[in-house]
């Protein structure tokens, strides 16, 4: 096993012997992705239990979610570049150790202030950890297997996004050892330690062959710009959209424009940029940013509000709400398996477009179920439409990352990973802000079903728009297939 830590080839040829432990390396990377996404979604279910035990009020509870989101989104672009500079394996392991440690601290928190602080630190460690995954896969797998490797990210992320509330509801309902809500954070400790042992053993080291220097001015500008966007999106709905939220969003435009100009000047001066401007000249990557922004806005906004509707509107317990969403997760798994094994390589972006249509049909089915239900809707009544919705989501998300990242070369993959993940987080924050506002405005009169119906129509429109925008992507990830 002396080749476990041998650097993976920068651009392996089709006939080169592949890295021996590549599939185990993929398992380690996907496990980290799943832990991160679970922690981004569980708080919506755990929040009532947290408030009951340690207090803090609604604003403090809001920051338990917002602190993680802000820190994670702001740190992603810089985190992606750290792996290119210092080695993706090394940075992955450092980020994973930090994520496990901060997860344990979250689970042991004794006050709202301590929990919010630990969540911010957890978001920062996640921003260091997660962007390394795409680069590790790109450096580890031969070109003929990259489609299957990248194609696994979408289903894993989709299942984690839907499965987070299910897991949170189950853990809180089971109340293992009397830990209650703390288990949604403490569960990361055994999983993370197992992932760490695997990653230490099988991940190869890789870094950019070009000597990179960090860009502190660029880091400051992109962090400030993203903060000016994400902060008002996260807090705006809770505070009723005061004037300063729009002022901050407007201020983000010149800050990000200045960041873009700074990056171009660094390239012209022969210095390493934080974000490679060449990425935006890649049609697949550029189109992927647009499609991903719209899709993740609709998907994440719907995931949040349907969990709120089941608990607040229908009075479901966290466990019952999680079980009611299980058919959605089953549909995602089935759709992703069908797409990855049969459809994606053959039909490419057409699968993304078909998945958008199927997912929208599932949402309309949920609306019809709500309209036709005689009294409060049950989980069994929702199940068929949720399966269809999940099936479409699995079809769509499985080929997405493969098509978007297929043309990104290894020297740019850290930068691409940070930007793509930050874009996904931006879309998710916008979706939660907009669809959450829609839901609560309609539900303010007590009509929670009406609020859910409005969100479903809005989310269906966003998903269909993402499907239509998929024309910006290449027909296939690799034309020769």
Protein backbone atom coordinates (compact mmCIF):
# COMPACT_ATOMS: atom_id res chain seq x y z
CA UNK A 1 0.00 0.00 0.00
CA UNK A 2 2.94 2.32 -0.50
CA UNK A 3 1.08 4.21 -3.25
CA UNK A 4 -1.67 5.49 -0.96
CA UNK A 5 -0.30 9.02 -0.73
CA UNK A 6 1.43 9.19 -4.11
CA UNK A 7 0.36 12.37 -5.91
CA UNK A 8 -2.31 11.66 -8.51
CA UNK A 9 -1.38 12.57 -12.09
CA UNK A 10 -2.34 16.13 -13.00
CA UNK A 11 -4.04 15.16 -16.26
CA UNK A 12 -4.09 11.38 -16.65
CA UNK A 13 -4.28 9.99 -20.10
CA UNK A 14 -7.00 7.64 -21.13
CA UNK A 15 -4.64 4.64 -21.07
CA UNK A 16 -2.78 5.56 -17.85
CA UNK A 17 -3.24 3.17 -14.92
CA UNK A 18 -5.87 4.74 -12.65
CA UNK A 19 -5.24 5.54 -9.01
CA UNK A 20 -5.87 2.33 -7.07
CA UNK A 21 -8.01 3.76 -4.26
CA UNK A 22 -10.02 6.29 -6.29
CA UNK A 23 -13.48 4.94 -5.41
CA UNK A 24 -12.71 4.91 -1.70
CA UNK A 25 -11.40 8.46 -2.08
CA UNK A 26 -14.76 9.37 -3.66
CA UNK A 27 -16.58 7.83 -0.68
CA UNK A 28 -14.58 10.05 1.70
CA UNK A 29 -15.29 13.17 -0.36
CA UNK A 30 -19.02 12.43 -0.63
CA UNK A 31 -19.27 11.68 3.10
CA UNK A 32 -17.89 15.15 3.83
CA UNK A 33 -20.36 16.70 1.36
CA UNK A 34 -23.27 14.91 2.99
CA UNK A 35 -22.25 15.95 6.52
CA UNK A 36 -22.03 19.58 5.44
CA UNK A 37 -25.42 19.58 3.71
CA UNK A 38 -27.11 17.79 6.60
CA UNK A 39 -25.85 20.45 9.00
CA UNK A 40 -27.13 23.18 6.71
CA UNK A 41 -30.68 21.74 6.76
CA UNK A 42 -31.25 20.18 10.18
CA UNK A 43 -31.65 23.42 12.14
CA UNK A 44 -35.07 24.18 10.67
CA UNK A 45 -36.37 20.99 12.32
CA UNK A 46 -34.30 21.23 15.50
CA UNK A 47 -34.93 24.95 16.18
CA UNK A 48 -38.06 24.57 18.37
CA UNK A 49 -36.33 22.00 20.58
CA UNK A 50 -33.21 24.18 20.85
CA UNK A 51 -35.24 27.21 21.90
CA UNK A 52 -37.17 25.21 24.49
CA UNK A 53 -33.98 23.95 26.16
CA UNK A 54 -31.48 26.82 26.05
CA UNK A 55 -33.72 29.78 25.15
CA UNK A 56 -32.49 32.73 23.11
CA UNK A 57 -35.68 33.80 21.38
CA UNK A 58 -36.53 33.70 17.69
CA UNK A 59 -33.75 36.10 16.60
CA UNK A 60 -31.02 34.05 18.26
CA UNK A 61 -32.46 30.84 16.86
CA UNK A 62 -32.46 32.43 13.40
CA UNK A 63 -28.74 33.10 13.80
CA UNK A 64 -28.02 29.45 14.56
CA UNK A 65 -28.85 28.83 10.90
CA UNK A 66 -27.73 32.20 9.54
CA UNK A 67 -24.29 32.13 11.19
CA UNK A 68 -23.44 28.85 9.48
CA UNK A 69 -24.79 30.00 6.11
CA UNK A 70 -22.93 33.32 6.14
CA UNK A 71 -19.58 31.91 7.25
CA UNK A 72 -19.80 29.03 4.79
CA UNK A 73 -20.79 31.15 1.79
CA UNK A 74 -18.23 33.88 2.46
CA UNK A 75 -15.35 31.42 2.91
CA UNK A 76 -15.97 29.15 -0.08
CA UNK A 77 -14.07 31.02 -2.79
CA UNK A 78 -10.98 31.41 -0.61
CA UNK A 79 -11.30 27.83 0.66
CA UNK A 80 -11.26 26.48 -2.88
CA UNK A 81 -7.97 28.20 -3.63
CA UNK A 82 -6.25 26.99 -0.45
CA UNK A 83 -6.20 23.41 -1.75
CA UNK A 84 -4.58 24.48 -5.00
CA UNK A 85 -1.88 26.30 -3.03
CA UNK A 86 -1.15 23.99 -0.08
CA UNK A 87 -2.38 20.59 -1.31
CA UNK A 88 -5.96 19.35 -1.56
CA UNK A 89 -5.47 16.32 0.68
CA UNK A 90 -3.82 18.38 3.41
CA UNK A 91 -6.49 21.11 3.35
CA UNK A 92 -9.30 18.51 3.19
CA UNK A 93 -7.98 16.78 6.32
CA UNK A 94 -7.54 20.08 8.19
CA UNK A 95 -11.05 21.16 7.26
CA UNK A 96 -12.49 17.78 8.27
CA UNK A 97 -10.81 17.86 11.70
CA UNK A 98 -12.16 21.37 12.23
CA UNK A 99 -15.65 20.40 11.11
CA UNK A 100 -15.80 17.42 13.48
CA UNK A 101 -14.48 19.48 16.39
CA UNK A 102 -16.93 22.36 15.85
CA UNK A 103 -19.80 19.89 15.41
CA UNK A 104 -18.98 18.43 18.84
CA UNK A 105 -18.87 21.92 20.33
CA UNK A 106 -22.28 22.70 18.82
CA UNK A 107 -23.70 19.59 20.42
CA UNK A 108 -22.21 20.54 23.80
CA UNK A 109 -23.32 24.20 23.72
CA UNK A 110 -24.89 25.47 26.95
CA UNK A 111 -26.09 28.87 25.75
CA UNK A 112 -27.44 30.41 22.53
CA UNK A 113 -24.36 32.64 22.18
CA UNK A 114 -22.04 29.63 22.41
CA UNK A 115 -24.09 27.72 19.86
CA UNK A 116 -24.13 30.61 17.37
CA UNK A 117 -20.35 31.09 17.74
CA UNK A 118 -19.72 27.39 17.17
CA UNK A 119 -22.00 27.41 14.14
CA UNK A 120 -20.02 30.26 12.61
CA UNK A 121 -16.79 28.33 13.18
CA UNK A 122 -18.43 25.21 11.75
CA UNK A 123 -19.37 27.14 8.60
CA UNK A 124 -15.80 28.38 8.17
CA UNK A 125 -14.35 24.88 8.51
CA UNK A 126 -16.95 23.61 6.03
CA UNK A 127 -15.82 26.31 3.58
CA UNK A 128 -12.26 24.98 3.86
CA UNK A 129 -13.31 21.32 3.58
CA UNK A 130 -15.95 21.14 0.85
CA UNK A 131 -14.28 22.88 -2.13
CA UNK A 132 -11.44 20.34 -2.11
CA UNK A 133 -13.77 17.54 -3.23
CA UNK A 134 -14.02 18.41 -6.92
CA UNK A 135 -10.26 18.90 -7.19
CA UNK A 136 -9.51 15.58 -5.49
CA UNK A 137 -11.86 13.77 -7.88
CA UNK A 138 -10.45 15.57 -10.94
CA UNK A 139 -6.90 14.64 -9.93
CA UNK A 140 -7.72 11.06 -8.96
CA UNK A 141 -9.97 9.69 -11.70
CA UNK A 142 -9.05 9.02 -15.32
CA UNK A 143 -11.12 10.92 -17.91
CA UNK A 144 -13.20 7.86 -18.85
CA UNK A 145 -14.51 7.60 -15.25
CA UNK A 146 -14.98 11.29 -14.48
CA UNK A 147 -18.60 11.21 -15.64
CA UNK A 148 -19.54 8.59 -13.07
CA UNK A 149 -17.50 10.31 -10.34
CA UNK A 150 -18.86 13.82 -10.88
CA UNK A 151 -22.32 12.40 -11.50
CA UNK A 152 -22.39 11.04 -7.95
CA UNK A 153 -22.19 14.51 -6.40
CA UNK A 154 -25.66 15.55 -7.51
CA UNK A 155 -27.55 12.58 -6.02
CA UNK A 156 -25.55 12.76 -2.79
CA UNK A 157 -26.31 16.46 -2.41
CA UNK A 158 -29.95 16.02 -3.33
CA UNK A 159 -30.46 13.19 -0.88
CA UNK A 160 -28.70 15.14 1.86
CA UNK A 161 -30.84 18.23 1.26
CA UNK A 162 -34.06 16.20 1.45
CA UNK A 163 -32.78 13.73 4.03
CA UNK A 164 -31.53 16.35 6.50
CA UNK A 165 -34.99 17.12 7.91
CA UNK A 166 -35.80 13.38 7.95
CA UNK A 167 -32.66 12.56 9.95
CA UNK A 168 -33.16 15.51 12.30
CA UNK A 169 -36.74 14.53 13.00
CA UNK A 170 -35.76 10.93 13.67
CA UNK A 171 -32.86 11.80 15.99
CA UNK A 172 -34.91 14.27 18.00
CA UNK A 173 -37.84 11.87 18.16
CA UNK A 174 -35.70 8.97 19.37
CA UNK A 175 -33.98 11.22 21.95
CA UNK A 176 -30.92 8.94 22.18
CA UNK A 177 -29.49 9.12 25.69
CA UNK A 178 -31.72 12.09 26.46
CA UNK A 179 -29.57 14.25 24.16
CA UNK A 180 -32.53 15.49 22.10
CA UNK A 181 -31.57 18.18 19.58
CA UNK A 182 -27.87 17.81 20.42
CA UNK A 183 -27.74 14.55 18.47
CA UNK A 184 -28.20 16.41 15.16
CA UNK A 185 -24.72 17.86 15.71
CA UNK A 186 -23.08 15.05 17.68
CA UNK A 187 -23.91 12.51 14.94
CA UNK A 188 -21.13 14.19 12.92
CA UNK A 189 -18.49 13.04 15.41
CA UNK A 190 -18.54 9.26 14.72
CA UNK A 191 -19.27 9.79 11.02
CA UNK A 192 -16.56 12.44 10.73
CA UNK A 193 -13.96 10.35 12.54
CA UNK A 194 -14.67 7.39 10.27
CA UNK A 195 -14.37 9.68 7.25
CA UNK A 196 -11.11 11.08 8.63
CA UNK A 197 -9.63 7.60 9.04
CA UNK A 198 -10.64 6.69 5.49
CA UNK A 199 -9.44 9.98 3.99
CA UNK A 200 -6.08 9.77 5.80
CA UNK A 201 -5.58 6.31 4.35
CA UNK A 202 -6.72 6.65 0.76
CA UNK A 203 -6.69 10.28 -0.40
CA UNK A 204 -3.85 11.16 -2.78
CA UNK A 205 -2.12 14.53 -2.54
CA UNK A 206 -2.45 16.96 -5.43
CA UNK A 207 -1.97 20.69 -5.92
CA UNK A 208 -1.61 23.16 -8.72
CA UNK A 209 1.56 22.69 -10.74
CA UNK A 210 1.76 26.47 -11.07
CA UNK A 211 3.30 28.31 -8.13
CA UNK A 212 0.31 30.10 -6.61
CA UNK A 213 0.37 33.05 -4.26
CA UNK A 214 -2.62 33.95 -2.15
CA UNK A 215 -4.49 37.15 -2.93
CA UNK A 216 -5.38 38.86 0.37
CA UNK A 217 -6.96 41.88 -1.33
CA UNK A 218 -9.10 39.60 -3.48
CA UNK A 219 -10.07 37.55 -0.42
CA UNK A 220 -11.19 40.72 1.38
CA UNK A 221 -13.17 42.03 -1.60
CA UNK A 222 -14.98 38.77 -2.44
CA UNK A 223 -15.74 38.11 1.22
CA UNK A 224 -17.17 41.61 1.65
CA UNK A 225 -19.19 41.31 -1.57
CA UNK A 226 -20.69 37.95 -0.65
CA UNK A 227 -21.44 39.15 2.87
CA UNK A 228 -23.30 42.16 1.45
CA UNK A 229 -25.44 39.76 -0.61
CA UNK A 230 -25.99 36.86 1.77
CA UNK A 231 -26.59 38.80 5.01
CA UNK A 232 -29.67 40.74 3.82
CA UNK A 233 -31.06 37.64 2.10
CA UNK A 234 -30.76 35.67 5.33
CA UNK A 235 -32.08 38.40 7.66
CA UNK A 236 -34.46 40.27 5.36
CA UNK A 237 -37.47 37.98 5.72
CA UNK A 238 -37.14 37.73 9.49
CA UNK A 239 -36.99 41.54 9.85
CA UNK A 240 -39.67 42.40 7.30
CA UNK A 241 -37.25 43.65 4.60
CA UNK A 242 -36.22 47.04 6.05
CA UNK A 243 -34.65 49.59 3.72
CA UNK A 244 -31.08 48.77 4.72
CA UNK A 245 -31.36 45.21 3.36
CA UNK A 246 -31.85 46.62 -0.14
CA UNK A 247 -29.06 49.15 0.45
CA UNK A 248 -26.67 46.32 1.29
CA UNK A 249 -27.69 44.36 -1.80
CA UNK A 250 -27.07 47.44 -3.93
CA UNK A 251 -23.68 48.03 -2.28
CA UNK A 252 -22.64 44.49 -3.21
CA UNK A 253 -22.65 45.34 -6.91
CA UNK A 254 -19.72 47.81 -6.93
CA UNK A 255 -17.76 45.71 -4.42
CA UNK A 256 -18.02 42.57 -6.57
CA UNK A 257 -17.30 44.62 -9.69
CA UNK A 258 -14.15 45.93 -8.02
CA UNK A 259 -13.22 42.34 -7.15
CA UNK A 260 -13.62 41.32 -10.80
CA UNK A 261 -11.45 44.21 -11.95
CA UNK A 262 -8.82 43.31 -9.36
CA UNK A 263 -8.72 39.72 -10.63
CA UNK A 264 -8.25 40.83 -14.24
CA UNK A 265 -5.41 43.16 -13.22
CA UNK A 266 -3.66 40.32 -11.38
CA UNK A 267 -3.88 38.09 -14.45
CA UNK A 268 -2.46 40.84 -16.67
CA UNK A 269 0.37 41.34 -14.18
CA UNK A 270 1.16 37.61 -14.28
CA UNK A 271 0.04 37.00 -10.70
CA UNK A 272 -2.30 34.27 -9.43
CA UNK A 273 -5.96 35.35 -9.22
CA UNK A 274 -8.33 34.09 -6.54
CA UNK A 275 -10.93 33.35 -9.22
CA UNK A 276 -9.68 32.44 -12.67
CA UNK A 277 -11.34 34.86 -15.16
CA UNK A 278 -10.96 32.12 -17.78
CA UNK A 279 -13.73 30.19 -15.99
CA UNK A 280 -16.29 32.70 -17.20
CA UNK A 281 -15.13 32.09 -20.78
CA UNK A 282 -16.04 28.41 -20.39
CA UNK A 283 -19.63 28.08 -21.74
CA UNK A 284 -20.44 25.02 -19.64
CA UNK A 285 -19.26 26.61 -16.40
CA UNK A 286 -20.87 29.97 -17.17
CA UNK A 287 -24.17 28.32 -18.05
CA UNK A 288 -23.93 26.08 -14.98
CA UNK A 289 -23.76 29.12 -12.70
CA UNK A 290 -27.03 30.45 -14.15
CA UNK A 291 -28.84 27.09 -14.08
CA UNK A 292 -27.56 26.25 -10.60
CA UNK A 293 -28.53 29.62 -9.16
CA UNK A 294 -32.15 29.26 -10.30
CA UNK A 295 -32.52 25.55 -9.53
CA UNK A 296 -31.04 25.62 -6.02
CA UNK A 297 -33.16 28.68 -5.21
CA UNK A 298 -36.35 26.77 -6.03
CA UNK A 299 -35.27 23.46 -4.51
CA UNK A 300 -33.89 24.80 -1.23
CA UNK A 301 -36.74 27.24 -0.71
CA UNK A 302 -39.24 24.41 -1.19
CA UNK A 303 -37.34 22.05 1.12
CA UNK A 304 -37.44 24.59 3.94
CA UNK A 305 -41.07 25.64 3.57
CA UNK A 306 -42.54 22.17 3.21
CA UNK A 307 -40.89 21.20 6.50
CA UNK A 308 -42.32 24.34 8.13
CA UNK A 309 -45.76 23.62 6.70
CA UNK A 310 -45.85 20.08 8.04
CA UNK A 311 -44.83 21.16 11.54
CA UNK A 312 -46.42 24.60 11.93
CA UNK A 313 -49.39 24.26 9.60
CA UNK A 314 -50.34 20.62 10.19
CA UNK A 315 -48.91 20.14 13.69
CA UNK A 316 -46.64 17.21 12.78
CA UNK A 317 -43.92 16.21 15.23
CA UNK A 318 -40.33 16.44 13.90
CA UNK A 319 -40.26 12.63 13.48
CA UNK A 320 -43.59 12.51 11.66
CA UNK A 321 -42.58 15.40 9.39
CA UNK A 322 -39.36 13.59 8.52
CA UNK A 323 -41.18 10.36 7.71
CA UNK A 324 -43.68 12.27 5.55
CA UNK A 325 -40.77 13.50 3.41
CA UNK A 326 -39.20 10.03 3.04
CA UNK A 327 -40.95 9.35 -0.32
CA UNK A 328 -39.25 12.45 -1.72
CA UNK A 329 -35.85 11.07 -0.74
CA UNK A 330 -36.76 7.68 -2.25
CA UNK A 331 -37.68 9.42 -5.53
CA UNK A 332 -34.36 11.30 -5.58
CA UNK A 333 -32.44 8.04 -5.17
CA UNK A 334 -34.42 6.30 -7.91
CA UNK A 335 -34.15 9.22 -10.34
CA UNK A 336 -30.44 9.63 -9.76
CA UNK A 337 -29.80 5.90 -10.24
CA UNK A 338 -31.78 5.90 -13.50
CA UNK A 339 -30.09 9.04 -14.75
CA UNK A 340 -26.56 8.05 -13.81
CA UNK A 341 -26.74 4.45 -14.98
CA UNK A 342 -28.71 4.83 -18.22
CA UNK A 343 -29.71 8.30 -19.36
CA UNK A 344 -27.09 10.96 -18.58
CA UNK A 345 -24.26 9.70 -20.82
CA UNK A 346 -26.64 9.08 -23.70
CA UNK A 347 -28.86 12.17 -23.58
CA UNK A 348 -26.81 14.74 -21.63
CA UNK A 349 -28.58 18.01 -20.90
CA UNK A 350 -31.90 16.65 -22.18
CA UNK A 351 -32.03 14.65 -18.94
CA UNK A 352 -31.70 17.89 -16.95
CA UNK A 353 -34.58 19.39 -18.92
CA UNK A 354 -36.75 16.29 -18.55
CA UNK A 355 -35.99 16.17 -14.83
CA UNK A 356 -37.16 19.77 -14.44
CA UNK A 357 -40.47 18.95 -16.10
CA UNK A 358 -41.00 15.81 -13.99
CA UNK A 359 -40.14 17.68 -10.79
CA UNK A 360 -42.61 20.46 -11.66
CA UNK A 361 -45.30 17.85 -12.37
CA UNK A 362 -44.66 16.42 -8.91
CA UNK A 363 -45.12 19.86 -7.34
CA UNK A 364 -48.40 20.34 -9.20
CA UNK A 365 -49.39 16.91 -7.90
CA UNK A 366 -48.74 18.10 -4.33
CA UNK A 367 -50.94 21.14 -5.00
CA UNK A 368 -53.72 18.89 -6.31
CA UNK A 369 -53.39 16.67 -3.25
CA UNK A 370 -53.78 19.68 -0.95
CA UNK A 371 -56.83 20.86 -2.89
CA UNK A 372 -58.55 17.47 -2.96
CA UNK A 373 -57.81 16.37 0.61
CA UNK A 374 -60.86 16.00 2.83
CA UNK A 375 -59.46 17.68 5.94
CA UNK A 376 -55.75 17.93 6.89
CA UNK A 377 -53.57 16.14 4.37
CA UNK A 378 -51.70 13.03 5.51
CA UNK A 379 -48.25 11.79 4.66
CA UNK A 380 -49.72 8.84 2.77
CA UNK A 381 -51.74 11.21 0.58
CA UNK A 382 -48.67 13.31 -0.20
CA UNK A 383 -46.42 10.31 -0.92
CA UNK A 384 -47.20 9.70 -4.65
CA UNK A 385 -46.64 13.32 -5.66
CA UNK A 386 -43.50 13.58 -3.52
CA UNK A 387 -42.06 10.48 -5.18
CA UNK A 388 -42.59 12.09 -8.60
CA UNK A 389 -41.02 15.33 -7.38
CA UNK A 390 -37.99 13.44 -6.08
CA UNK A 391 -37.72 11.40 -9.26
CA UNK A 392 -37.45 14.58 -11.32
CA UNK A 393 -34.95 16.06 -8.91
CA UNK A 394 -32.75 12.97 -9.14
CA UNK A 395 -32.89 12.99 -12.93
CA UNK A 396 -31.90 16.66 -13.06
CA UNK A 397 -29.16 16.83 -10.48
CA UNK A 398 -27.25 13.67 -11.40
CA UNK A 399 -25.74 14.96 -14.70
CA UNK A 400 -25.54 18.62 -13.67
CA UNK A 401 -22.11 18.69 -12.03
CA UNK A 402 -20.55 16.41 -14.62
CA UNK A 403 -21.61 18.68 -17.50
CA UNK A 404 -20.59 21.88 -15.70
CA UNK A 405 -17.16 20.66 -14.55
CA UNK A 406 -16.20 18.48 -17.53
CA UNK A 407 -14.26 21.24 -19.27
CA UNK A 408 -12.54 22.68 -16.18
CA UNK A 409 -8.83 21.87 -16.18
CA UNK A 410 -7.08 20.74 -13.00
CA UNK A 411 -5.19 24.02 -12.37
CA UNK A 412 -8.53 25.85 -12.24
CA UNK A 413 -10.58 23.26 -10.38
CA UNK A 414 -10.07 24.75 -6.90
CA UNK A 415 -11.20 28.14 -8.09
CA UNK A 416 -14.12 26.55 -9.99
CA UNK A 417 -15.19 24.52 -6.96
CA UNK A 418 -15.23 27.54 -4.67
CA UNK A 419 -17.20 29.65 -7.14
CA UNK A 420 -19.69 26.88 -7.96
CA UNK A 421 -20.34 26.11 -4.29
CA UNK A 422 -20.67 29.81 -3.44
CA UNK A 423 -23.10 30.24 -6.31
CA UNK A 424 -25.14 27.29 -5.04
CA UNK A 425 -25.21 28.81 -1.55
CA UNK A 426 -26.27 32.17 -2.99
CA UNK A 427 -29.14 30.52 -4.84
CA UNK A 428 -30.19 28.62 -1.74
CA UNK A 429 -30.18 31.79 0.38
CA UNK A 430 -32.21 33.67 -2.22
CA UNK A 431 -34.70 30.81 -2.47
CA UNK A 432 -35.17 30.60 1.30
CA UNK A 433 -35.58 34.39 1.51
CA UNK A 434 -38.09 34.70 -1.33
CA UNK A 435 -40.14 31.53 -0.84
CA UNK A 436 -40.04 31.90 2.94
CA UNK A 437 -41.46 35.40 2.56
CA UNK A 438 -44.18 34.12 0.23
CA UNK A 439 -45.12 31.37 2.67
CA UNK A 440 -45.33 33.55 5.78
CA UNK A 441 -47.11 36.43 4.06
CA UNK A 442 -49.91 34.16 2.87
CA UNK A 443 -49.93 32.15 6.09
CA UNK A 444 -50.13 35.31 8.24
CA UNK A 445 -53.92 35.05 8.11
CA UNK A 446 -53.76 31.44 9.30
CA UNK A 447 -53.99 29.95 5.80
CA UNK A 448 -50.91 27.73 5.93
CA UNK A 449 -52.18 25.55 3.08
CA UNK A 450 -52.56 28.63 0.92
CA UNK A 451 -48.99 29.63 1.75
CA UNK A 452 -47.73 26.18 0.83
CA UNK A 453 -49.68 26.27 -2.41
CA UNK A 454 -48.13 29.63 -3.35
CA UNK A 455 -44.64 28.30 -2.61
CA UNK A 456 -45.22 25.19 -4.73
CA UNK A 457 -46.30 27.25 -7.74
CA UNK A 458 -43.28 29.54 -7.30
CA UNK A 459 -40.85 26.65 -6.89
CA UNK A 460 -42.32 24.87 -9.94
CA UNK A 461 -41.74 28.05 -11.97
CA UNK A 462 -38.13 28.27 -10.77
CA UNK A 463 -37.41 24.63 -11.62
CA UNK A 464 -38.96 24.96 -15.08
CA UNK A 465 -36.92 28.13 -15.64
CA UNK A 466 -33.77 26.20 -14.70
CA UNK A 467 -34.74 23.51 -17.21
CA UNK A 468 -35.23 26.12 -19.93
CA UNK A 469 -31.91 27.78 -19.09
CA UNK A 470 -30.18 24.42 -19.51
CA UNK A 471 -29.87 25.32 -23.22
CA UNK A 472 -26.85 27.35 -22.05
CA UNK A 473 -25.08 24.06 -21.27
CA UNK A 474 -23.36 21.79 -23.80
CA UNK A 475 -25.49 18.92 -25.07
CA UNK A 476 -23.16 16.45 -23.34
CA UNK A 477 -20.33 16.62 -20.84
CA UNK A 478 -18.00 14.98 -23.35
CA UNK A 479 -18.93 15.19 -27.05
CA UNK A 480 -17.24 11.87 -27.86
CA UNK A 481 -19.76 10.02 -25.66
